[in-house]
Amino acid sequence: MIYDDIQRAIDTGAIIEIAYTKYDGTASVRRLSEVQYSDEFGRTHIQAYCHKRNEQRTFKISRISRVTFINSTEAADEQAVLINPANVKMPYRFNRNKRVFELYGIDYNN
């Protein structure tokens, strides 16, 4: 069942949530996207973008105890909250005349 769900996530590009146990017994729940079989370890591992760690990670399939498919509406809502949270107040006013930065001798304020 787990292997079938992993294959479905790979085939459809779905976002999934997994229950995962590390080698030391530490359990966690991870939300993954861009799931594919590992280039390094083959079909015994997957690599995916982990939304908890905000980076590509590798997971051993035999340590996955549950796979849940996240519907596209829920995933889109999560992205919207991350990109533009509605209840955040900026602690300062933007000043268009203030120098932002200078990189490699290029003045980006002109």
PDB file of N, CA and C in Angstrom:
ATOM      1  N   MET A   1       0.819  -1.194   0.000  1.00  0.00           N
ATOM      2  CA  MET A   1       0.000   0.000   0.000  1.00  0.00           C
ATOM      3  C   MET A   1       0.867   1.264   0.000  1.00  0.00           C
ATOM      4  N   ILE A   2       1.891   1.315   0.876  1.00  0.00           N
ATOM      5  CA  ILE A   2       2.777   2.483   0.938  1.00  0.00           C
ATOM      6  C   ILE A   2       3.476   2.660  -0.406  1.00  0.00           C
ATOM      7  N   TYR A   3       4.007   1.559  -0.939  1.00  0.00           N
ATOM      8  CA  TYR A   3       4.716   1.642  -2.219  1.00  0.00           C
ATOM      9  C   TYR A   3       3.790   2.106  -3.338  1.00  0.00           C
ATOM     10  N   ASP A   4       2.532   1.648  -3.332  1.00  0.00           N
ATOM     11  CA  ASP A   4       1.558   2.073  -4.343  1.00  0.00           C
ATOM     12  C   ASP A   4       1.272   3.566  -4.219  1.00  0.00           C
ATOM     13  N   ASP A   5       1.128   4.047  -2.983  1.00  0.00           N
ATOM     14  CA  ASP A   5       0.866   5.473  -2.756  1.00  0.00           C
ATOM     15  C   ASP A   5       2.061   6.326  -3.188  1.00  0.00           C
ATOM     16  N   ILE A   6       3.261   5.860  -2.904  1.00  0.00           N
ATOM     17  CA  ILE A   6       4.468   6.577  -3.326  1.00  0.00           C
ATOM     18  C   ILE A   6       4.517   6.665  -4.850  1.00  0.00           C
ATOM     19  N   GLN A   7       4.245   5.538  -5.514  1.00  0.00           N
ATOM     20  CA  GLN A   7       4.253   5.523  -6.976  1.00  0.00           C
ATOM     21  C   GLN A   7       3.211   6.482  -7.531  1.00  0.00           C
ATOM     22  N   ARG A   8       2.032   6.508  -6.917  1.00  0.00           N
ATOM     23  CA  ARG A   8       0.966   7.429  -7.359  1.00  0.00           C
ATOM     24  C   ARG A   8       1.401   8.889  -7.193  1.00  0.00           C
ATOM     25  N   ALA A   9       2.060   9.197  -6.075  1.00  0.00           N
ATOM     26  CA  ALA A   9       2.546  10.567  -5.844  1.00  0.00           C
ATOM     27  C   ALA A   9       3.583  10.945  -6.893  1.00  0.00           C
ATOM     28  N   ILE A  10       4.446  10.010  -7.242  1.00  0.00           N
ATOM     29  CA  ILE A  10       5.461  10.269  -8.273  1.00  0.00           C
ATOM     30  C   ILE A  10       4.791  10.487  -9.621  1.00  0.00           C
ATOM     31  N   ASP A  11       3.844   9.615  -9.961  1.00  0.00           N
ATOM     32  CA  ASP A  11       3.174   9.687 -11.265  1.00  0.00           C
ATOM     33  C   ASP A  11       2.336  10.946 -11.438  1.00  0.00           C
ATOM     34  N   THR A  12       1.685  11.394 -10.369  1.00  0.00           N
ATOM     35  CA  THR A  12       0.755  12.526 -10.473  1.00  0.00           C
ATOM     36  C   THR A  12       1.356  13.856 -10.037  1.00  0.00           C
ATOM     37  N   GLY A  13       2.509  13.813  -9.378  1.00  0.00           N
ATOM     38  CA  GLY A  13       3.098  15.051  -8.855  1.00  0.00           C
ATOM     39  C   GLY A  13       2.368  15.571  -7.632  1.00  0.00           C
ATOM     40  N   ALA A  14       1.644  14.692  -6.941  1.00  0.00           N
ATOM     41  CA  ALA A  14       0.833  15.087  -5.791  1.00  0.00           C
ATOM     42  C   ALA A  14       1.701  15.485  -4.598  1.00  0.00           C
ATOM     43  N   ILE A  15       1.125  16.325  -3.757  1.00  0.00           N
ATOM     44  CA  ILE A  15       1.733  16.661  -2.472  1.00  0.00           C
ATOM     45  C   ILE A  15       1.216  15.641  -1.474  1.00  0.00           C
ATOM     46  N   ILE A  16       2.128  15.071  -0.679  1.00  0.00           N
ATOM     47  CA  ILE A  16       1.744  14.057   0.293  1.00  0.00           C
ATOM     48  C   ILE A  16       2.242  14.424   1.674  1.00  0.00           C
ATOM     49  N   GLU A  17       1.626  13.806   2.667  1.00  0.00           N
ATOM     50  CA  GLU A  17       2.092  13.918   4.039  1.00  0.00           C
ATOM     51  C   GLU A  17       2.431  12.505   4.486  1.00  0.00           C
ATOM     52  N   ILE A  18       3.593  12.332   5.081  1.00  0.00           N
ATOM     53  CA  ILE A  18       4.018  11.000   5.506  1.00  0.00           C
ATOM     54  C   ILE A  18       4.286  10.967   7.002  1.00  0.00           C
ATOM     55  N   ALA A  19       4.059   9.811   7.601  1.00  0.00           N
ATOM     56  CA  ALA A  19       4.523   9.548   8.967  1.00  0.00           C
ATOM     57  C   ALA A  19       5.827   8.793   8.793  1.00  0.00           C
ATOM     58  N   TYR A  20       6.903   9.331   9.340  1.00  0.00           N
ATOM     59  CA  TYR A  20       8.236   8.790   9.101  1.00  0.00           C
ATOM     60  C   TYR A  20       8.963   8.573  10.417  1.00  0.00           C
ATOM     61  N   THR A  21       9.683   7.453  10.503  1.00  0.00           N
ATOM     62  CA  THR A  21      10.484   7.160  11.689  1.00  0.00           C
ATOM     63  C   THR A  21      11.949   7.054  11.278  1.00  0.00           C
ATOM     64  N   LYS A  22      12.800   7.880  11.867  1.00  0.00           N
ATOM     65  CA  LYS A  22      14.231   7.842  11.575  1.00  0.00           C
ATOM     66  C   LYS A  22      14.863   6.581  12.148  1.00  0.00           C
ATOM     67  N   TYR A  23      16.089   6.335  11.759  1.00  0.00           N
ATOM     68  CA  TYR A  23      16.831   5.158  12.215  1.00  0.00           C
ATOM     69  C   TYR A  23      16.946   5.085  13.737  1.00  0.00           C
ATOM     70  N   ASP A  24      16.920   6.260  14.400  1.00  0.00           N
ATOM     71  CA  ASP A  24      17.072   6.280  15.861  1.00  0.00           C
ATOM     72  C   ASP A  24      15.737   6.194  16.600  1.00  0.00           C
ATOM     73  N   GLY A  25      14.636   6.027  15.852  1.00  0.00           N
ATOM     74  CA  GLY A  25      13.313   5.887  16.452  1.00  0.00           C
ATOM     75  C   GLY A  25      12.528   7.175  16.567  1.00  0.00           C
ATOM     76  N   THR A  26      13.101   8.289  16.174  1.00  0.00           N
ATOM     77  CA  THR A  26      12.407   9.574  16.221  1.00  0.00           C
ATOM     78  C   THR A  26      11.334   9.615  15.143  1.00  0.00           C
ATOM     79  N   ALA A  27      10.100   9.851  15.556  1.00  0.00           N
ATOM     80  CA  ALA A  27       8.976   9.898  14.612  1.00  0.00           C
ATOM     81  C   ALA A  27       8.635  11.346  14.269  1.00  0.00           C
ATOM     82  N   SER A  28       8.216  11.560  13.033  1.00  0.00           N
ATOM     83  CA  SER A  28       7.788  12.892  12.610  1.00  0.00           C
ATOM     84  C   SER A  28       6.783  12.761  11.479  1.00  0.00           C
ATOM     85  N   VAL A  29       6.085  13.848  11.235  1.00  0.00           N
ATOM     86  CA  VAL A  29       5.163  13.937  10.099  1.00  0.00           C
ATOM     87  C   VAL A  29       5.749  14.969   9.157  1.00  0.00           C
ATOM     88  N   ARG A  30       5.864  14.605   7.882  1.00  0.00           N
ATOM     89  CA  ARG A  30       6.476  15.492   6.888  1.00  0.00           C
ATOM     90  C   ARG A  30       5.527  15.709   5.731  1.00  0.00           C
ATOM     91  N   ARG A  31       5.480  16.927   5.232  1.00  0.00           N
ATOM     92  CA  ARG A  31       4.735  17.232   4.007  1.00  0.00           C
ATOM     93  C   ARG A  31       5.750  17.322   2.883  1.00  0.00           C
ATOM     94  N   LEU A  32       5.522  16.553   1.814  1.00  0.00           N
ATOM     95  CA  LEU A  32       6.482  16.436   0.722  1.00  0.00           C
ATOM     96  C   LEU A  32       5.858  16.802  -0.606  1.00  0.00           C
ATOM     97  N   SER A  33       6.664  17.415  -1.467  1.00  0.00           N
ATOM     98  CA  SER A  33       6.270  17.662  -2.856  1.00  0.00           C
ATOM     99  C   SER A  33       7.455  17.301  -3.751  1.00  0.00           C
ATOM    100  N   GLU A  34       7.218  17.235  -5.046  1.00  0.00           N
ATOM    101  CA  GLU A  34       8.258  16.881  -6.025  1.00  0.00           C
ATOM    102  C   GLU A  34       8.878  15.526  -5.684  1.00  0.00           C
ATOM    103  N   VAL A  35       8.040  14.557  -5.381  1.00  0.00           N
ATOM    104  CA  VAL A  35       8.494  13.229  -4.958  1.00  0.00           C
ATOM    105  C   VAL A  35       9.037  12.455  -6.155  1.00  0.00           C
ATOM    106  N   GLN A  36      10.182  11.808  -5.952  1.00  0.00           N
ATOM    107  CA  GLN A  36      10.773  10.938  -6.979  1.00  0.00           C
ATOM    108  C   GLN A  36      11.643   9.893  -6.297  1.00  0.00           C
ATOM    109  N   TYR A  37      11.946   8.829  -7.034  1.00  0.00           N
ATOM    110  CA  TYR A  37      12.855   7.839  -6.478  1.00  0.00           C
ATOM    111  C   TYR A  37      14.247   8.449  -6.389  1.00  0.00           C
ATOM    112  N   SER A  38      15.001   8.007  -5.401  1.00  0.00           N
ATOM    113  CA  SER A  38      16.328   8.551  -5.144  1.00  0.00           C
ATOM    114  C   SER A  38      17.304   8.207  -6.258  1.00  0.00           C
ATOM    115  N   ASP A  39      18.048   9.205  -6.713  1.00  0.00           N
ATOM    116  CA  ASP A  39      19.109   8.976  -7.696  1.00  0.00           C
ATOM    117  C   ASP A  39      20.230   8.145  -7.080  1.00  0.00           C
ATOM    118  N   GLU A  40      20.472   8.342  -5.796  1.00  0.00           N
ATOM    119  CA  GLU A  40      21.588   7.693  -5.113  1.00  0.00           C
ATOM    120  C   GLU A  40      21.253   6.275  -4.645  1.00  0.00           C
ATOM    121  N   PHE A  41      20.042   6.079  -4.089  1.00  0.00           N
ATOM    122  CA  PHE A  41      19.694   4.803  -3.475  1.00  0.00           C
ATOM    123  C   PHE A  41      18.695   3.971  -4.279  1.00  0.00           C
ATOM    124  N   GLY A  42      18.128   4.524  -5.333  1.00  0.00           N
ATOM    125  CA  GLY A  42      17.184   3.775  -6.170  1.00  0.00           C
ATOM    126  C   GLY A  42      15.789   3.716  -5.588  1.00  0.00           C
ATOM    127  N   ARG A  43      15.090   2.615  -5.856  1.00  0.00           N
ATOM    128  CA  ARG A  43      13.672   2.500  -5.523  1.00  0.00           C
ATOM    129  C   ARG A  43      13.403   2.148  -4.057  1.00  0.00           C
ATOM    130  N   THR A  44      14.428   2.067  -3.233  1.00  0.00           N
ATOM    131  CA  THR A  44      14.221   1.825  -1.800  1.00  0.00           C
ATOM    132  C   THR A  44      14.075   3.133  -1.032  1.00  0.00           C
ATOM    133  N   HIS A  45      14.391   4.245  -1.674  1.00  0.00           N
ATOM    134  CA  HIS A  45      14.326   5.569  -1.053  1.00  0.00           C
ATOM    135  C   HIS A  45      13.625   6.533  -2.005  1.00  0.00           C
ATOM    136  N   ILE A  46      13.034   7.569  -1.424  1.00  0.00           N
ATOM    137  CA  ILE A  46      12.513   8.671  -2.233  1.00  0.00           C
ATOM    138  C   ILE A  46      13.257   9.935  -1.847  1.00  0.00           C
ATOM    139  N   GLN A  47      13.320  10.848  -2.788  1.00  0.00           N
ATOM    140  CA  GLN A  47      13.793  12.191  -2.464  1.00  0.00           C
ATOM    141  C   GLN A  47      12.667  13.134  -2.844  1.00  0.00           C
ATOM    142  N   ALA A  48      12.515  14.166  -2.036  1.00  0.00           N
ATOM    143  CA  ALA A  48      11.399  15.092  -2.222  1.00  0.00           C
ATOM    144  C   ALA A  48      11.728  16.391  -1.508  1.00  0.00           C
ATOM    145  N   TYR A  49      10.964  17.423  -1.851  1.00  0.00           N
ATOM    146  CA  TYR A  49      11.082  18.679  -1.131  1.00  0.00           C
ATOM    147  C   TYR A  49      10.286  18.546   0.160  1.00  0.00           C
ATOM    148  N   CYS A  50      10.956  18.697   1.311  1.00  0.00           N
ATOM    149  CA  CYS A  50      10.325  18.594   2.623  1.00  0.00           C
ATOM    150  C   CYS A  50       9.928  20.000   3.076  1.00  0.00           C
ATOM    151  N   HIS A  51       8.633  20.201   3.287  1.00  0.00           N
ATOM    152  CA  HIS A  51       8.142  21.516   3.687  1.00  0.00           C
ATOM    153  C   HIS A  51       8.471  21.832   5.150  1.00  0.00           C
ATOM    154  N   LYS A  52       8.759  20.819   5.942  1.00  0.00           N
ATOM    155  CA  LYS A  52       9.148  21.055   7.335  1.00  0.00           C
ATOM    156  C   LYS A  52      10.573  21.593   7.420  1.00  0.00           C
ATOM    157  N   ARG A  53      11.467  21.039   6.629  1.00  0.00           N
ATOM    158  CA  ARG A  53      12.878  21.447   6.642  1.00  0.00           C
ATOM    159  C   ARG A  53      13.208  22.469   5.553  1.00  0.00           C
ATOM    160  N   ASN A  54      12.276  22.701   4.627  1.00  0.00           N
ATOM    161  CA  ASN A  54      12.463  23.652   3.523  1.00  0.00           C
ATOM    162  C   ASN A  54      13.680  23.330   2.668  1.00  0.00           C
ATOM    163  N   GLU A  55      13.835  22.039   2.357  1.00  0.00           N
ATOM    164  CA  GLU A  55      14.925  21.609   1.487  1.00  0.00           C
ATOM    165  C   GLU A  55      14.660  20.205   0.968  1.00  0.00           C
ATOM    166  N   GLN A  56      15.423  19.809  -0.041  1.00  0.00           N
ATOM    167  CA  GLN A  56      15.340  18.448  -0.574  1.00  0.00           C
ATOM    168  C   GLN A  56      15.845  17.478   0.480  1.00  0.00           C
ATOM    169  N   ARG A  57      15.105  16.404   0.711  1.00  0.00           N
ATOM    170  CA  ARG A  57      15.501  15.386   1.683  1.00  0.00           C
ATOM    171  C   ARG A  57      15.301  14.004   1.079  1.00  0.00           C
ATOM    172  N   THR A  58      15.974  13.012   1.656  1.00  0.00           N
ATOM    173  CA  THR A  58      15.849  11.626   1.221  1.00  0.00           C
ATOM    174  C   THR A  58      15.225  10.818   2.350  1.00  0.00           C
ATOM    175  N   PHE A  59      14.267   9.948   1.998  1.00  0.00           N
ATOM    176  CA  PHE A  59      13.541   9.142   2.973  1.00  0.00           C
ATOM    177  C   PHE A  59      13.558   7.683   2.546  1.00  0.00           C
ATOM    178  N   LYS A  60      13.838   6.796   3.485  1.00  0.00           N
ATOM    179  CA  LYS A  60      13.800   5.361   3.217  1.00  0.00           C
ATOM    180  C   LYS A  60      12.343   4.911   3.266  1.00  0.00           C
ATOM    181  N   ILE A  61      11.872   4.293   2.191  1.00  0.00           N
ATOM    182  CA  ILE A  61      10.454   3.954   2.080  1.00  0.00           C
ATOM    183  C   ILE A  61      10.019   2.992   3.187  1.00  0.00           C
ATOM    184  N   SER A  62      10.879   2.070   3.588  1.00  0.00           N
ATOM    185  CA  SER A  62      10.493   1.107   4.620  1.00  0.00           C
ATOM    186  C   SER A  62      10.256   1.764   5.979  1.00  0.00           C
ATOM    187  N   ARG A  63      10.673   3.007   6.159  1.00  0.00           N
ATOM    188  CA  ARG A  63      10.455   3.734   7.419  1.00  0.00           C
ATOM    189  C   ARG A  63       9.212   4.625   7.377  1.00  0.00           C
ATOM    190  N   ILE A  64       8.503   4.601   6.260  1.00  0.00           N
ATOM    191  CA  ILE A  64       7.263   5.376   6.120  1.00  0.00           C
ATOM    192  C   ILE A  64       6.109   4.489   6.562  1.00  0.00           C
ATOM    193  N   SER A  65       5.327   4.950   7.542  1.00  0.00           N
ATOM    194  CA  SER A  65       4.216   4.141   8.053  1.00  0.00           C
ATOM    195  C   SER A  65       2.851   4.593   7.544  1.00  0.00           C
ATOM    196  N   ARG A  66       2.781   5.812   6.994  1.00  0.00           N
ATOM    197  CA  ARG A  66       1.501   6.315   6.489  1.00  0.00           C
ATOM    198  C   ARG A  66       1.760   7.336   5.391  1.00  0.00           C
ATOM    199  N   VAL A  67       0.918   7.307   4.371  1.00  0.00           N
ATOM    200  CA  VAL A  67       0.950   8.316   3.305  1.00  0.00           C
ATOM    201  C   VAL A  67      -0.455   8.881   3.170  1.00  0.00           C
ATOM    202  N   THR A  68      -0.568  10.204   3.231  1.00  0.00           N
ATOM    203  CA  THR A  68      -1.842  10.887   3.044  1.00  0.00           C
ATOM    204  C   THR A  68      -1.683  11.874   1.902  1.00  0.00           C
ATOM    205  N   PHE A  69      -2.624  11.848   0.964  1.00  0.00           N
ATOM    206  CA  PHE A  69      -2.583  12.789  -0.148  1.00  0.00           C
ATOM    207  C   PHE A  69      -3.238  14.093   0.279  1.00  0.00           C
ATOM    208  N   ILE A  70      -2.559  15.197   0.007  1.00  0.00           N
ATOM    209  CA  ILE A  70      -3.056  16.524   0.351  1.00  0.00           C
ATOM    210  C   ILE A  70      -3.767  17.075  -0.876  1.00  0.00           C
ATOM    211  N   ASN A  71      -5.010  17.509  -0.701  1.00  0.00           N
ATOM    212  CA  ASN A  71      -5.723  18.017  -1.877  1.00  0.00           C
ATOM    213  C   ASN A  71      -5.144  19.347  -2.320  1.00  0.00           C
ATOM    214  N   SER A  72      -5.328  19.683  -3.580  1.00  0.00           N
ATOM    215  CA  SER A  72      -4.690  20.869  -4.166  1.00  0.00           C
ATOM    216  C   SER A  72      -5.187  22.167  -3.535  1.00  0.00           C
ATOM    217  N   THR A  73      -6.436  22.214  -3.083  1.00  0.00           N
ATOM    218  CA  THR A  73      -6.964  23.427  -2.446  1.00  0.00           C
ATOM    219  C   THR A  73      -6.243  23.691  -1.132  1.00  0.00           C
ATOM    220  N   GLU A  74      -6.062  22.645  -0.330  1.00  0.00           N
ATOM    221  CA  GLU A  74      -5.364  22.803   0.950  1.00  0.00           C
ATOM    222  C   GLU A  74      -3.920  23.227   0.728  1.00  0.00           C
ATOM    223  N   ALA A  75      -3.268  22.632  -0.268  1.00  0.00           N
ATOM    224  CA  ALA A  75      -1.878  22.989  -0.572  1.00  0.00           C
ATOM    225  C   ALA A  75      -1.790  24.434  -1.046  1.00  0.00           C
ATOM    226  N   ALA A  76      -2.725  24.863  -1.882  1.00  0.00           N
ATOM    227  CA  ALA A  76      -2.728  26.245  -2.383  1.00  0.00           C
ATOM    228  C   ALA A  76      -2.969  27.226  -1.242  1.00  0.00           C
ATOM    229  N   ASP A  77      -3.879  26.874  -0.316  1.00  0.00           N
ATOM    230  CA  ASP A  77      -4.136  27.740   0.836  1.00  0.00           C
ATOM    231  C   ASP A  77      -2.885  27.882   1.697  1.00  0.00           C
ATOM    232  N   GLU A  78      -2.155  26.779   1.888  1.00  0.00           N
ATOM    233  CA  GLU A  78      -0.918  26.825   2.681  1.00  0.00           C
ATOM    234  C   GLU A  78       0.093  27.740   2.016  1.00  0.00           C
ATOM    235  N   GLN A  79       0.252  27.637   0.704  1.00  0.00           N
ATOM    236  CA  GLN A  79       1.196  28.484  -0.014  1.00  0.00           C
ATOM    237  C   GLN A  79       0.795  29.952   0.102  1.00  0.00           C
ATOM    238  N   ALA A  80      -0.492  30.244  -0.002  1.00  0.00           N
ATOM    239  CA  ALA A  80      -0.958  31.626   0.093  1.00  0.00           C
ATOM    240  C   ALA A  80      -0.640  32.208   1.459  1.00  0.00           C
ATOM    241  N   VAL A  81      -0.804  31.433   2.514  1.00  0.00           N
ATOM    242  CA  VAL A  81      -0.499  31.899   3.863  1.00  0.00           C
ATOM    243  C   VAL A  81       0.990  32.158   4.002  1.00  0.00           C
ATOM    244  N   LEU A  82       1.810  31.299   3.437  1.00  0.00           N
ATOM    245  CA  LEU A  82       3.247  31.478   3.539  1.00  0.00           C
ATOM    246  C   LEU A  82       3.725  32.694   2.764  1.00  0.00           C
ATOM    247  N   ILE A  83       3.127  32.937   1.607  1.00  0.00           N
ATOM    248  CA  ILE A  83       3.563  34.031   0.743  1.00  0.00           C
ATOM    249  C   ILE A  83       3.044  35.381   1.227  1.00  0.00           C
ATOM    250  N   ASN A  84       1.794  35.456   1.644  1.00  0.00           N
ATOM    251  CA  ASN A  84       1.189  36.738   1.992  1.00  0.00           C
ATOM    252  C   ASN A  84       0.238  36.580   3.172  1.00  0.00           C
ATOM    253  N   PRO A  85       0.746  36.440   4.382  1.00  0.00           N
ATOM    254  CA  PRO A  85      -0.155  36.301   5.520  1.00  0.00           C
ATOM    255  C   PRO A  85      -0.957  37.574   5.728  1.00  0.00           C
ATOM    256  N   ALA A  86      -2.251  37.431   5.893  1.00  0.00           N
ATOM    257  CA  ALA A  86      -3.151  38.583   5.964  1.00  0.00           C
ATOM    258  C   ALA A  86      -3.040  39.348   7.272  1.00  0.00           C
ATOM    259  N   ASN A  87      -2.663  38.694   8.338  1.00  0.00           N
ATOM    260  CA  ASN A  87      -2.690  39.354   9.644  1.00  0.00           C
ATOM    261  C   ASN A  87      -1.341  39.882  10.103  1.00  0.00           C
ATOM    262  N   VAL A  88      -0.382  40.013   9.206  1.00  0.00           N
ATOM    263  CA  VAL A  88       0.942  40.499   9.591  1.00  0.00           C
ATOM    264  C   VAL A  88       1.009  42.011   9.423  1.00  0.00           C
ATOM    265  N   LYS A  89       1.411  42.688  10.473  1.00  0.00           N
ATOM    266  CA  LYS A  89       1.609  44.137  10.437  1.00  0.00           C
ATOM    267  C   LYS A  89       3.100  44.404  10.311  1.00  0.00           C
ATOM    268  N   MET A  90       3.477  45.233   9.375  1.00  0.00           N
ATOM    269  CA  MET A  90       4.883  45.562   9.191  1.00  0.00           C
ATOM    270  C   MET A  90       5.322  46.502  10.312  1.00  0.00           C
ATOM    271  N   PRO A  91       6.476  46.263  10.931  1.00  0.00           N
ATOM    272  CA  PRO A  91       6.920  47.082  12.061  1.00  0.00           C
ATOM    273  C   PRO A  91       7.494  48.437  11.641  1.00  0.00           C
ATOM    274  N   TYR A  92       7.530  48.706  10.360  1.00  0.00           N
ATOM    275  CA  TYR A  92       8.085  49.971   9.876  1.00  0.00           C
ATOM    276  C   TYR A  92       7.395  50.350   8.578  1.00  0.00           C
ATOM    277  N   ARG A  93       7.545  51.623   8.212  1.00  0.00           N
ATOM    278  CA  ARG A  93       7.020  52.099   6.931  1.00  0.00           C
ATOM    279  C   ARG A  93       8.107  52.019   5.887  1.00  0.00           C
ATOM    280  N   PHE A  94       7.737  51.590   4.718  1.00  0.00           N
ATOM    281  CA  PHE A  94       8.695  51.498   3.623  1.00  0.00           C
ATOM    282  C   PHE A  94       9.087  52.901   3.175  1.00  0.00           C
ATOM    283  N   ASN A  95      10.399  53.159   3.061  1.00  0.00           N
ATOM    284  CA  ASN A  95      10.909  54.439   2.616  1.00  0.00           C
ATOM    285  C   ASN A  95      11.582  54.232   1.266  1.00  0.00           C
ATOM    286  N   ARG A  96      10.947  54.721   0.208  1.00  0.00           N
ATOM    287  CA  ARG A  96      11.438  54.532  -1.153  1.00  0.00           C
ATOM    288  C   ARG A  96      12.789  55.213  -1.381  1.00  0.00           C
ATOM    289  N   ASN A  97      13.107  56.225  -0.603  1.00  0.00           N
ATOM    290  CA  ASN A  97      14.352  56.963  -0.792  1.00  0.00           C
ATOM    291  C   ASN A  97      15.536  56.359  -0.029  1.00  0.00           C
ATOM    292  N   LYS A  98      15.281  55.422   0.845  1.00  0.00           N
ATOM    293  CA  LYS A  98      16.351  54.818   1.628  1.00  0.00           C
ATOM    294  C   LYS A  98      17.159  53.851   0.747  1.00  0.00           C
ATOM    295  N   ARG A  99      18.483  53.899   0.892  1.00  0.00           N
ATOM    296  CA  ARG A  99      19.347  53.003   0.118  1.00  0.00           C
ATOM    297  C   ARG A  99      19.092  51.566   0.536  1.00  0.00           C
ATOM    298  N   VAL A 100      18.981  50.690  -0.430  1.00  0.00           N
ATOM    299  CA  VAL A 100      18.704  49.288  -0.144  1.00  0.00           C
ATOM    300  C   VAL A 100      20.002  48.520  -0.008  1.00  0.00           C
ATOM    301  N   PHE A 101      20.778  48.419  -1.058  1.00  0.00           N
ATOM    302  CA  PHE A 101      22.063  47.738  -1.005  1.00  0.00           C
ATOM    303  C   PHE A 101      22.859  48.061  -2.251  1.00  0.00           C
ATOM    304  N   GLU A 102      24.123  47.766  -2.187  1.00  0.00           N
ATOM    305  CA  GLU A 102      25.015  47.935  -3.320  1.00  0.00           C
ATOM    306  C   GLU A 102      25.796  46.642  -3.454  1.00  0.00           C
ATOM    307  N   LEU A 103      25.777  46.052  -4.640  1.00  0.00           N
ATOM    308  CA  LEU A 103      26.411  44.755  -4.849  1.00  0.00           C
ATOM    309  C   LEU A 103      27.366  44.859  -6.028  1.00  0.00           C
ATOM    310  N   TYR A 104      28.599  44.459  -5.819  1.00  0.00           N
ATOM    311  CA  TYR A 104      29.628  44.470  -6.881  1.00  0.00           C
ATOM    312  C   TYR A 104      29.788  45.847  -7.513  1.00  0.00           C
ATOM    313  N   GLY A 105      29.636  46.888  -6.701  1.00  0.00           N
ATOM    314  CA  GLY A 105      29.831  48.231  -7.184  1.00  0.00           C
ATOM    315  C   GLY A 105      28.679  48.773  -8.001  1.00  0.00           C
ATOM    316  N   ILE A 106      27.572  48.028  -8.076  1.00  0.00           N
ATOM    317  CA  ILE A 106      26.400  48.468  -8.835  1.00  0.00           C
ATOM    318  C   ILE A 106      25.424  49.126  -7.863  1.00  0.00           C
ATOM    319  N   ASP A 107      25.037  50.333  -8.167  1.00  0.00           N
ATOM    320  CA  ASP A 107      24.073  51.043  -7.334  1.00  0.00           C
ATOM    321  C   ASP A 107      22.671  50.726  -7.860  1.00  0.00           C
ATOM    322  N   TYR A 108      21.877  49.992  -7.083  1.00  0.00           N
ATOM    323  CA  TYR A 108      20.538  49.572  -7.512  1.00  0.00           C
ATOM    324  C   TYR A 108      19.485  50.601  -7.183  1.00  0.00           C
ATOM    325  N   ASN A 109      19.874  51.752  -6.683  1.00  0.00           N
ATOM    326  CA  ASN A 109      18.905  52.765  -6.288  1.00  0.00           C
ATOM    327  C   ASN A 109      18.705  53.825  -7.342  1.00  0.00           C
ATOM    328  N   ASN A 110      19.360  53.734  -8.477  1.00  0.00           N
ATOM    329  CA  ASN A 110      19.195  54.741  -9.541  1.00  0.00           C
ATOM    330  C   ASN A 110      18.273  54.257 -10.609  1.00  0.00           C
TER     331      ASN A 110
END
